[in-house]
Amino acid sequence: MRLRLFRPFPIDELVRVVEGVKAVAVIDRAVSPGAPIEGPVALEIASALKSRGVDVPVISVVHGLGQRTVFSRDIEELTRILSTSELTNLMRNTLYMGVREYGS
């Protein structure tokens, strides 16, 4: 699902889209330091689903900070990570991708 409009938040469409899935991975291009989920859209989606009684794990992925490009190979890597990792490990922390380490 591609979110094109943030307000009004499309809760009904979101609930329909996630019906029957094991988990939802949300790719954010921003962070909300100090929030329980650091991706602001991931936090909004998790809250919306919980408000409707939908118990689906939301995995926060932050990618594209500083206007860095999100390539198709990055999505392939994310798919590989999601398919080979345990959901409980991914749900505990925000997954950062495409961020250069300091000094490189």
PDB file of N, CA and C in Angstrom:
ATOM      1  N   MET A   1       0.854  -1.165   0.000  1.00  0.00           N
ATOM      2  CA  MET A   1       0.000   0.000   0.000  1.00  0.00           C
ATOM      3  C   MET A   1       0.900   1.227   0.000  1.00  0.00           C
ATOM      4  N   ARG A   2       0.557   2.206  -0.772  1.00  0.00           N
ATOM      5  CA  ARG A   2       1.301   3.455  -0.797  1.00  0.00           C
ATOM      6  C   ARG A   2       0.417   4.547  -0.222  1.00  0.00           C
ATOM      7  N   LEU A   3       0.891   5.155   0.827  1.00  0.00           N
ATOM      8  CA  LEU A   3       0.153   6.216   1.489  1.00  0.00           C
ATOM      9  C   LEU A   3       0.420   7.525   0.757  1.00  0.00           C
ATOM     10  N   ARG A   4      -0.603   8.093   0.178  1.00  0.00           N
ATOM     11  CA  ARG A   4      -0.438   9.343  -0.573  1.00  0.00           C
ATOM     12  C   ARG A   4      -0.964  10.551   0.193  1.00  0.00           C
ATOM     13  N   LEU A   5      -1.829  10.339   1.142  1.00  0.00           N
ATOM     14  CA  LEU A   5      -2.422  11.415   1.918  1.00  0.00           C
ATOM     15  C   LEU A   5      -2.400  11.005   3.380  1.00  0.00           C
ATOM     16  N   PHE A   6      -1.846  11.874   4.218  1.00  0.00           N
ATOM     17  CA  PHE A   6      -1.707  11.534   5.635  1.00  0.00           C
ATOM     18  C   PHE A   6      -2.962  11.862   6.433  1.00  0.00           C
ATOM     19  N   ARG A   7      -3.641  12.939   6.074  1.00  0.00           N
ATOM     20  CA  ARG A   7      -4.875  13.305   6.737  1.00  0.00           C
ATOM     21  C   ARG A   7      -5.942  13.581   5.690  1.00  0.00           C
ATOM     22  N   PRO A   8      -7.117  13.087   5.814  1.00  0.00           N
ATOM     23  CA  PRO A   8      -7.551  12.149   6.844  1.00  0.00           C
ATOM     24  C   PRO A   8      -6.884  10.787   6.634  1.00  0.00           C
ATOM     25  N   PHE A   9      -6.467  10.176   7.731  1.00  0.00           N
ATOM     26  CA  PHE A   9      -5.752   8.908   7.643  1.00  0.00           C
ATOM     27  C   PHE A   9      -6.705   7.805   7.185  1.00  0.00           C
ATOM     28  N   PRO A  10      -6.314   7.027   6.175  1.00  0.00           N
ATOM     29  CA  PRO A  10      -7.211   6.018   5.578  1.00  0.00           C
ATOM     30  C   PRO A  10      -7.272   4.710   6.383  1.00  0.00           C
ATOM     31  N   ILE A  11      -7.837   4.784   7.578  1.00  0.00           N
ATOM     32  CA  ILE A  11      -7.859   3.618   8.467  1.00  0.00           C
ATOM     33  C   ILE A  11      -8.634   2.452   7.860  1.00  0.00           C
ATOM     34  N   ASP A  12      -9.795   2.717   7.285  1.00  0.00           N
ATOM     35  CA  ASP A  12     -10.608   1.633   6.729  1.00  0.00           C
ATOM     36  C   ASP A  12      -9.883   0.895   5.608  1.00  0.00           C
ATOM     37  N   GLU A  13      -9.237   1.644   4.705  1.00  0.00           N
ATOM     38  CA  GLU A  13      -8.477   1.013   3.618  1.00  0.00           C
ATOM     39  C   GLU A  13      -7.302   0.218   4.165  1.00  0.00           C
ATOM     40  N   LEU A  14      -6.649   0.761   5.176  1.00  0.00           N
ATOM     41  CA  LEU A  14      -5.513   0.077   5.800  1.00  0.00           C
ATOM     42  C   LEU A  14      -5.946  -1.247   6.410  1.00  0.00           C
ATOM     43  N   VAL A  15      -7.046  -1.240   7.123  1.00  0.00           N
ATOM     44  CA  VAL A  15      -7.553  -2.474   7.752  1.00  0.00           C
ATOM     45  C   VAL A  15      -7.864  -3.517   6.681  1.00  0.00           C
ATOM     46  N   ARG A  16      -8.460  -3.095   5.568  1.00  0.00           N
ATOM     47  CA  ARG A  16      -8.762  -4.041   4.480  1.00  0.00           C
ATOM     48  C   ARG A  16      -7.487  -4.617   3.876  1.00  0.00           C
ATOM     49  N   VAL A  17      -6.472  -3.789   3.679  1.00  0.00           N
ATOM     50  CA  VAL A  17      -5.233  -4.227   3.038  1.00  0.00           C
ATOM     51  C   VAL A  17      -4.467  -5.228   3.903  1.00  0.00           C
ATOM     52  N   VAL A  18      -4.457  -5.033   5.213  1.00  0.00           N
ATOM     53  CA  VAL A  18      -3.648  -5.902   6.083  1.00  0.00           C
ATOM     54  C   VAL A  18      -4.384  -7.157   6.533  1.00  0.00           C
ATOM     55  N   GLU A  19      -5.612  -7.319   6.117  1.00  0.00           N
ATOM     56  CA  GLU A  19      -6.380  -8.508   6.506  1.00  0.00           C
ATOM     57  C   GLU A  19      -5.664  -9.774   6.045  1.00  0.00           C
ATOM     58  N   GLY A  20      -5.364 -10.650   6.989  1.00  0.00           N
ATOM     59  CA  GLY A  20      -4.750 -11.933   6.675  1.00  0.00           C
ATOM     60  C   GLY A  20      -3.232 -11.930   6.540  1.00  0.00           C
ATOM     61  N   VAL A  21      -2.554 -10.812   6.803  1.00  0.00           N
ATOM     62  CA  VAL A  21      -1.092 -10.791   6.700  1.00  0.00           C
ATOM     63  C   VAL A  21      -0.461 -11.128   8.044  1.00  0.00           C
ATOM     64  N   LYS A  22       0.790 -11.619   7.999  1.00  0.00           N
ATOM     65  CA  LYS A  22       1.508 -11.958   9.233  1.00  0.00           C
ATOM     66  C   LYS A  22       2.046 -10.724   9.938  1.00  0.00           C
ATOM     67  N   ALA A  23       2.495  -9.748   9.151  1.00  0.00           N
ATOM     68  CA  ALA A  23       3.071  -8.526   9.701  1.00  0.00           C
ATOM     69  C   ALA A  23       3.043  -7.439   8.639  1.00  0.00           C
ATOM     70  N   VAL A  24       3.258  -6.209   9.079  1.00  0.00           N
ATOM     71  CA  VAL A  24       3.289  -5.058   8.182  1.00  0.00           C
ATOM     72  C   VAL A  24       4.637  -4.370   8.370  1.00  0.00           C
ATOM     73  N   ALA A  25       5.376  -4.204   7.284  1.00  0.00           N
ATOM     74  CA  ALA A  25       6.619  -3.440   7.317  1.00  0.00           C
ATOM     75  C   ALA A  25       6.331  -2.069   6.729  1.00  0.00           C
ATOM     76  N   VAL A  26       6.695  -1.026   7.463  1.00  0.00           N
ATOM     77  CA  VAL A  26       6.437   0.347   7.026  1.00  0.00           C
ATOM     78  C   VAL A  26       7.783   1.029   6.811  1.00  0.00           C
ATOM     79  N   ILE A  27       7.991   1.541   5.592  1.00  0.00           N
ATOM     80  CA  ILE A  27       9.228   2.241   5.275  1.00  0.00           C
ATOM     81  C   ILE A  27       8.981   3.739   5.451  1.00  0.00           C
ATOM     82  N   ASP A  28       9.703   4.320   6.394  1.00  0.00           N
ATOM     83  CA  ASP A  28       9.632   5.749   6.668  1.00  0.00           C
ATOM     84  C   ASP A  28      10.890   6.429   6.165  1.00  0.00           C
ATOM     85  N   ARG A  29      10.764   7.691   5.788  1.00  0.00           N
ATOM     86  CA  ARG A  29      11.924   8.489   5.386  1.00  0.00           C
ATOM     87  C   ARG A  29      12.223   9.551   6.427  1.00  0.00           C
ATOM     88  N   ALA A  30      11.739   9.344   7.642  1.00  0.00           N
ATOM     89  CA  ALA A  30      11.953  10.277   8.743  1.00  0.00           C
ATOM     90  C   ALA A  30      11.975   9.493  10.049  1.00  0.00           C
ATOM     91  N   VAL A  31      12.453  10.137  11.112  1.00  0.00           N
ATOM     92  CA  VAL A  31      12.463   9.504  12.427  1.00  0.00           C
ATOM     93  C   VAL A  31      11.768  10.406  13.438  1.00  0.00           C
ATOM     94  N   SER A  32      11.254   9.781  14.484  1.00  0.00           N
ATOM     95  CA  SER A  32      10.660  10.484  15.622  1.00  0.00           C
ATOM     96  C   SER A  32      11.403  10.015  16.865  1.00  0.00           C
ATOM     97  N   PRO A  33      12.554  10.631  17.172  1.00  0.00           N
ATOM     98  CA  PRO A  33      13.334  10.190  18.330  1.00  0.00           C
ATOM     99  C   PRO A  33      12.504  10.226  19.607  1.00  0.00           C
ATOM    100  N   GLY A  34      12.634   9.187  20.391  1.00  0.00           N
ATOM    101  CA  GLY A  34      11.921   9.095  21.655  1.00  0.00           C
ATOM    102  C   GLY A  34      10.569   8.425  21.568  1.00  0.00           C
ATOM    103  N   ALA A  35      10.055   8.245  20.374  1.00  0.00           N
ATOM    104  CA  ALA A  35       8.763   7.579  20.208  1.00  0.00           C
ATOM    105  C   ALA A  35       8.960   6.071  20.382  1.00  0.00           C
ATOM    106  N   PRO A  36       7.920   5.358  20.778  1.00  0.00           N
ATOM    107  CA  PRO A  36       8.058   3.901  20.944  1.00  0.00           C
ATOM    108  C   PRO A  36       8.398   3.194  19.633  1.00  0.00           C
ATOM    109  N   ILE A  37       7.935   3.731  18.521  1.00  0.00           N
ATOM    110  CA  ILE A  37       8.318   3.269  17.185  1.00  0.00           C
ATOM    111  C   ILE A  37       8.902   4.494  16.506  1.00  0.00           C
ATOM    112  N   GLU A  38      10.149   4.425  16.030  1.00  0.00           N
ATOM    113  CA  GLU A  38      10.820   5.636  15.573  1.00  0.00           C
ATOM    114  C   GLU A  38      10.346   6.160  14.224  1.00  0.00           C
ATOM    115  N   GLY A  39       9.736   5.350  13.399  1.00  0.00           N
ATOM    116  CA  GLY A  39       9.189   5.838  12.139  1.00  0.00           C
ATOM    117  C   GLY A  39       7.831   6.460  12.389  1.00  0.00           C
ATOM    118  N   PRO A  40       7.624   7.739  12.028  1.00  0.00           N
ATOM    119  CA  PRO A  40       6.350   8.394  12.336  1.00  0.00           C
ATOM    120  C   PRO A  40       5.143   7.763  11.635  1.00  0.00           C
ATOM    121  N   VAL A  41       5.298   7.311  10.407  1.00  0.00           N
ATOM    122  CA  VAL A  41       4.167   6.677   9.715  1.00  0.00           C
ATOM    123  C   VAL A  41       3.909   5.291  10.310  1.00  0.00           C
ATOM    124  N   ALA A  42       4.966   4.578  10.656  1.00  0.00           N
ATOM    125  CA  ALA A  42       4.807   3.266  11.292  1.00  0.00           C
ATOM    126  C   ALA A  42       4.055   3.403  12.614  1.00  0.00           C
ATOM    127  N   LEU A  43       4.376   4.443  13.373  1.00  0.00           N
ATOM    128  CA  LEU A  43       3.687   4.691  14.644  1.00  0.00           C
ATOM    129  C   LEU A  43       2.204   4.983  14.400  1.00  0.00           C
ATOM    130  N   GLU A  44       1.921   5.779  13.394  1.00  0.00           N
ATOM    131  CA  GLU A  44       0.531   6.111  13.051  1.00  0.00           C
ATOM    132  C   GLU A  44      -0.234   4.864  12.607  1.00  0.00           C
ATOM    133  N   ILE A  45       0.398   4.022  11.808  1.00  0.00           N
ATOM    134  CA  ILE A  45      -0.253   2.798  11.331  1.00  0.00           C
ATOM    135  C   ILE A  45      -0.502   1.835  12.488  1.00  0.00           C
ATOM    136  N   ALA A  46       0.496   1.677  13.365  1.00  0.00           N
ATOM    137  CA  ALA A  46       0.324   0.795  14.517  1.00  0.00           C
ATOM    138  C   ALA A  46      -0.829   1.279  15.396  1.00  0.00           C
ATOM    139  N   SER A  47      -0.913   2.580  15.618  1.00  0.00           N
ATOM    140  CA  SER A  47      -2.001   3.144  16.432  1.00  0.00           C
ATOM    141  C   SER A  47      -3.355   2.951  15.765  1.00  0.00           C
ATOM    142  N   ALA A  48      -3.411   3.168  14.456  1.00  0.00           N
ATOM    143  CA  ALA A  48      -4.670   3.024  13.722  1.00  0.00           C
ATOM    144  C   ALA A  48      -5.165   1.584  13.772  1.00  0.00           C
ATOM    145  N   LEU A  49      -4.257   0.636  13.552  1.00  0.00           N
ATOM    146  CA  LEU A  49      -4.659  -0.773  13.580  1.00  0.00           C
ATOM    147  C   LEU A  49      -5.128  -1.179  14.974  1.00  0.00           C
ATOM    148  N   LYS A  50      -4.389  -0.734  15.983  1.00  0.00           N
ATOM    149  CA  LYS A  50      -4.767  -1.075  17.358  1.00  0.00           C
ATOM    150  C   LYS A  50      -6.129  -0.478  17.708  1.00  0.00           C
ATOM    151  N   SER A  51      -6.416   0.722  17.210  1.00  0.00           N
ATOM    152  CA  SER A  51      -7.708   1.359  17.505  1.00  0.00           C
ATOM    153  C   SER A  51      -8.884   0.585  16.910  1.00  0.00           C
ATOM    154  N   ARG A  52      -8.624  -0.184  15.865  1.00  0.00           N
ATOM    155  CA  ARG A  52      -9.669  -0.991  15.236  1.00  0.00           C
ATOM    156  C   ARG A  52      -9.627  -2.451  15.683  1.00  0.00           C
ATOM    157  N   GLY A  53      -8.761  -2.763  16.646  1.00  0.00           N
ATOM    158  CA  GLY A  53      -8.692  -4.118  17.173  1.00  0.00           C
ATOM    159  C   GLY A  53      -7.964  -5.095  16.272  1.00  0.00           C
ATOM    160  N   VAL A  54      -7.160  -4.595  15.340  1.00  0.00           N
ATOM    161  CA  VAL A  54      -6.394  -5.452  14.432  1.00  0.00           C
ATOM    162  C   VAL A  54      -5.042  -5.725  15.066  1.00  0.00           C
ATOM    163  N   ASP A  55      -4.778  -7.003  15.343  1.00  0.00           N
ATOM    164  CA  ASP A  55      -3.540  -7.388  16.025  1.00  0.00           C
ATOM    165  C   ASP A  55      -2.524  -7.900  15.005  1.00  0.00           C
ATOM    166  N   VAL A  56      -1.869  -6.974  14.304  1.00  0.00           N
ATOM    167  CA  VAL A  56      -0.852  -7.303  13.311  1.00  0.00           C
ATOM    168  C   VAL A  56       0.431  -6.596  13.721  1.00  0.00           C
ATOM    169  N   PRO A  57       1.549  -7.316  13.826  1.00  0.00           N
ATOM    170  CA  PRO A  57       2.810  -6.653  14.177  1.00  0.00           C
ATOM    171  C   PRO A  57       3.211  -5.630  13.108  1.00  0.00           C
ATOM    172  N   VAL A  58       3.682  -4.466  13.551  1.00  0.00           N
ATOM    173  CA  VAL A  58       4.148  -3.415  12.649  1.00  0.00           C
ATOM    174  C   VAL A  58       5.660  -3.289  12.822  1.00  0.00           C
ATOM    175  N   ILE A  59       6.376  -3.449  11.725  1.00  0.00           N
ATOM    176  CA  ILE A  59       7.835  -3.370  11.729  1.00  0.00           C
ATOM    177  C   ILE A  59       8.225  -2.028  11.118  1.00  0.00           C
ATOM    178  N   SER A  60       8.946  -1.231  11.894  1.00  0.00           N
ATOM    179  CA  SER A  60       9.363   0.087  11.452  1.00  0.00           C
ATOM    180  C   SER A  60      10.704  -0.005  10.735  1.00  0.00           C
ATOM    181  N   VAL A  61      10.737   0.472   9.482  1.00  0.00           N
ATOM    182  CA  VAL A  61      11.959   0.496   8.680  1.00  0.00           C
ATOM    183  C   VAL A  61      12.204   1.947   8.294  1.00  0.00           C
ATOM    184  N   VAL A  62      13.358   2.483   8.660  1.00  0.00           N
ATOM    185  CA  VAL A  62      13.708   3.851   8.284  1.00  0.00           C
ATOM    186  C   VAL A  62      14.738   3.760   7.175  1.00  0.00           C
ATOM    187  N   HIS A  63      14.414   4.363   6.040  1.00  0.00           N
ATOM    188  CA  HIS A  63      15.290   4.315   4.868  1.00  0.00           C
ATOM    189  C   HIS A  63      15.125   5.613   4.092  1.00  0.00           C
ATOM    190  N   GLY A  64      16.190   6.082   3.503  1.00  0.00           N
ATOM    191  CA  GLY A  64      16.119   7.270   2.672  1.00  0.00           C
ATOM    192  C   GLY A  64      16.321   8.564   3.435  1.00  0.00           C
ATOM    193  N   LEU A  65      16.944   8.496   4.623  1.00  0.00           N
ATOM    194  CA  LEU A  65      17.219   9.722   5.359  1.00  0.00           C
ATOM    195  C   LEU A  65      18.168  10.606   4.562  1.00  0.00           C
ATOM    196  N   GLY A  66      18.028  11.900   4.696  1.00  0.00           N
ATOM    197  CA  GLY A  66      18.900  12.823   3.988  1.00  0.00           C
ATOM    198  C   GLY A  66      18.719  12.769   2.483  1.00  0.00           C
ATOM    199  N   GLN A  67      17.506  12.437   2.046  1.00  0.00           N
ATOM    200  CA  GLN A  67      17.167  12.349   0.631  1.00  0.00           C
ATOM    201  C   GLN A  67      17.927  11.255  -0.118  1.00  0.00           C
ATOM    202  N   ARG A  68      18.438  10.274   0.607  1.00  0.00           N
ATOM    203  CA  ARG A  68      19.103   9.158  -0.063  1.00  0.00           C
ATOM    204  C   ARG A  68      18.057   8.352  -0.822  1.00  0.00           C
ATOM    205  N   THR A  69      18.457   7.842  -1.957  1.00  0.00           N
ATOM    206  CA  THR A  69      17.552   7.100  -2.823  1.00  0.00           C
ATOM    207  C   THR A  69      17.301   5.704  -2.269  1.00  0.00           C
ATOM    208  N   VAL A  70      16.061   5.257  -2.352  1.00  0.00           N
ATOM    209  CA  VAL A  70      15.693   3.894  -2.004  1.00  0.00           C
ATOM    210  C   VAL A  70      15.653   3.118  -3.317  1.00  0.00           C
ATOM    211  N   PHE A  71      16.600   2.219  -3.489  1.00  0.00           N
ATOM    212  CA  PHE A  71      16.704   1.450  -4.728  1.00  0.00           C
ATOM    213  C   PHE A  71      15.907   0.159  -4.629  1.00  0.00           C
ATOM    214  N   SER A  72      15.606  -0.432  -5.777  1.00  0.00           N
ATOM    215  CA  SER A  72      14.884  -1.704  -5.787  1.00  0.00           C
ATOM    216  C   SER A  72      15.695  -2.786  -5.085  1.00  0.00           C
ATOM    217  N   ARG A  73      17.023  -2.723  -5.179  1.00  0.00           N
ATOM    218  CA  ARG A  73      17.863  -3.712  -4.481  1.00  0.00           C
ATOM    219  C   ARG A  73      17.704  -3.585  -2.955  1.00  0.00           C
ATOM    220  N   ASP A  74      17.400  -2.377  -2.471  1.00  0.00           N
ATOM    221  CA  ASP A  74      17.162  -2.179  -1.044  1.00  0.00           C
ATOM    222  C   ASP A  74      15.863  -2.867  -0.611  1.00  0.00           C
ATOM    223  N   ILE A  75      14.851  -2.793  -1.460  1.00  0.00           N
ATOM    224  CA  ILE A  75      13.577  -3.455  -1.163  1.00  0.00           C
ATOM    225  C   ILE A  75      13.769  -4.969  -1.196  1.00  0.00           C
ATOM    226  N   GLU A  76      14.574  -5.460  -2.131  1.00  0.00           N
ATOM    227  CA  GLU A  76      14.882  -6.888  -2.185  1.00  0.00           C
ATOM    228  C   GLU A  76      15.604  -7.324  -0.913  1.00  0.00           C
ATOM    229  N   GLU A  77      16.549  -6.512  -0.447  1.00  0.00           N
ATOM    230  CA  GLU A  77      17.272  -6.821   0.788  1.00  0.00           C
ATOM    231  C   GLU A  77      16.321  -6.809   1.980  1.00  0.00           C
ATOM    232  N   LEU A  78      15.410  -5.846   2.022  1.00  0.00           N
ATOM    233  CA  LEU A  78      14.429  -5.796   3.098  1.00  0.00           C
ATOM    234  C   LEU A  78      13.551  -7.040   3.079  1.00  0.00           C
ATOM    235  N   THR A  79      13.132  -7.460   1.908  1.00  0.00           N
ATOM    236  CA  THR A  79      12.320  -8.674   1.777  1.00  0.00           C
ATOM    237  C   THR A  79      13.085  -9.888   2.294  1.00  0.00           C
ATOM    238  N   ARG A  80      14.377  -9.966   1.977  1.00  0.00           N
ATOM    239  CA  ARG A  80      15.204 -11.073   2.460  1.00  0.00           C
ATOM    240  C   ARG A  80      15.314 -11.035   3.991  1.00  0.00           C
ATOM    241  N   ILE A  81      15.541  -9.851   4.547  1.00  0.00           N
ATOM    242  CA  ILE A  81      15.651  -9.709   5.997  1.00  0.00           C
ATOM    243  C   ILE A  81      14.347 -10.119   6.668  1.00  0.00           C
ATOM    244  N   LEU A  82      13.230  -9.661   6.131  1.00  0.00           N
ATOM    245  CA  LEU A  82      11.936  -9.977   6.724  1.00  0.00           C
ATOM    246  C   LEU A  82      11.612 -11.456   6.645  1.00  0.00           C
ATOM    247  N   SER A  83      12.042 -12.106   5.568  1.00  0.00           N
ATOM    248  CA  SER A  83      11.713 -13.527   5.416  1.00  0.00           C
ATOM    249  C   SER A  83      12.635 -14.438   6.223  1.00  0.00           C
ATOM    250  N   THR A  84      13.823 -13.957   6.589  1.00  0.00           N
ATOM    251  CA  THR A  84      14.766 -14.826   7.305  1.00  0.00           C
ATOM    252  C   THR A  84      14.879 -14.506   8.787  1.00  0.00           C
ATOM    253  N   SER A  85      14.308 -13.405   9.232  1.00  0.00           N
ATOM    254  CA  SER A  85      14.394 -13.014  10.637  1.00  0.00           C
ATOM    255  C   SER A  85      13.101 -13.367  11.359  1.00  0.00           C
ATOM    256  N   GLU A  86      13.227 -13.481  12.673  1.00  0.00           N
ATOM    257  CA  GLU A  86      12.035 -13.703  13.473  1.00  0.00           C
ATOM    258  C   GLU A  86      11.340 -12.370  13.692  1.00  0.00           C
ATOM    259  N   LEU A  87      10.033 -12.354  13.566  1.00  0.00           N
ATOM    260  CA  LEU A  87       9.273 -11.121  13.698  1.00  0.00           C
ATOM    261  C   LEU A  87       9.474 -10.461  15.056  1.00  0.00           C
ATOM    262  N   THR A  88       9.587 -11.256  16.105  1.00  0.00           N
ATOM    263  CA  THR A  88       9.734 -10.669  17.436  1.00  0.00           C
ATOM    264  C   THR A  88      11.022  -9.867  17.539  1.00  0.00           C
ATOM    265  N   ASN A  89      12.095 -10.309  16.880  1.00  0.00           N
ATOM    266  CA  ASN A  89      13.341  -9.549  16.898  1.00  0.00           C
ATOM    267  C   ASN A  89      13.201  -8.255  16.122  1.00  0.00           C
ATOM    268  N   LEU A  90      12.503  -8.272  14.995  1.00  0.00           N
ATOM    269  CA  LEU A  90      12.341  -7.083  14.172  1.00  0.00           C
ATOM    270  C   LEU A  90      11.421  -6.058  14.822  1.00  0.00           C
ATOM    271  N   MET A  91      10.455  -6.504  15.613  1.00  0.00           N
ATOM    272  CA  MET A  91       9.489  -5.600  16.224  1.00  0.00           C
ATOM    273  C   MET A  91      10.087  -4.833  17.391  1.00  0.00           C
ATOM    274  N   ARG A  92      11.167  -5.316  17.974  1.00  0.00           N
ATOM    275  CA  ARG A  92      11.743  -4.666  19.155  1.00  0.00           C
ATOM    276  C   ARG A  92      12.471  -3.374  18.824  1.00  0.00           C
ATOM    277  N   ASN A  93      13.061  -3.299  17.646  1.00  0.00           N
ATOM    278  CA  ASN A  93      13.863  -2.143  17.264  1.00  0.00           C
ATOM    279  C   ASN A  93      13.467  -1.663  15.879  1.00  0.00           C
ATOM    280  N   THR A  94      13.754  -0.404  15.627  1.00  0.00           N
ATOM    281  CA  THR A  94      13.566   0.126  14.288  1.00  0.00           C
ATOM    282  C   THR A  94      14.717  -0.361  13.422  1.00  0.00           C
ATOM    283  N   LEU A  95      14.413  -0.812  12.225  1.00  0.00           N
ATOM    284  CA  LEU A  95      15.428  -1.282  11.279  1.00  0.00           C
ATOM    285  C   LEU A  95      15.851  -0.103  10.421  1.00  0.00           C
ATOM    286  N   TYR A  96      17.126   0.238  10.459  1.00  0.00           N
ATOM    287  CA  TYR A  96      17.654   1.341   9.650  1.00  0.00           C
ATOM    288  C   TYR A  96      18.354   0.764   8.438  1.00  0.00           C
ATOM    289  N   MET A  97      18.069   1.333   7.274  1.00  0.00           N
ATOM    290  CA  MET A  97      18.692   0.887   6.034  1.00  0.00           C
ATOM    291  C   MET A  97      19.163   2.106   5.245  1.00  0.00           C
ATOM    292  N   GLY A  98      20.243   1.928   4.475  1.00  0.00           N
ATOM    293  CA  GLY A  98      20.713   2.987   3.599  1.00  0.00           C
ATOM    294  C   GLY A  98      21.327   4.166   4.310  1.00  0.00           C
ATOM    295  N   VAL A  99      21.792   3.958   5.534  1.00  0.00           N
ATOM    296  CA  VAL A  99      22.410   5.032   6.297  1.00  0.00           C
ATOM    297  C   VAL A  99      23.902   4.759   6.383  1.00  0.00           C
ATOM    298  N   ARG A 100      24.689   5.738   5.973  1.00  0.00           N
ATOM    299  CA  ARG A 100      26.136   5.574   6.062  1.00  0.00           C
ATOM    300  C   ARG A 100      26.592   5.771   7.498  1.00  0.00           C
ATOM    301  N   GLU A 101      27.588   4.984   7.889  1.00  0.00           N
ATOM    302  CA  GLU A 101      28.141   5.145   9.229  1.00  0.00           C
ATOM    303  C   GLU A 101      29.001   6.395   9.277  1.00  0.00           C
ATOM    304  N   TYR A 102      29.172   6.940  10.461  1.00  0.00           N
ATOM    305  CA  TYR A 102      29.978   8.126  10.653  1.00  0.00           C
ATOM    306  C   TYR A 102      31.403   7.871  10.187  1.00  0.00           C
ATOM    307  N   GLY A 103      31.954   8.795   9.400  1.00  0.00           N
ATOM    308  CA  GLY A 103      33.336   8.682   8.952  1.00  0.00           C
ATOM    309  C   GLY A 103      33.501   7.944   7.640  1.00  0.00           C
ATOM    310  N   SER A 104      32.443   7.435   7.049  1.00  0.00           N
ATOM    311  CA  SER A 104      32.603   6.735   5.775  1.00  0.00           C
ATOM    312  C   SER A 104      32.071   7.545   4.630  1.00  0.00           C
TER     313      SER A 104
END
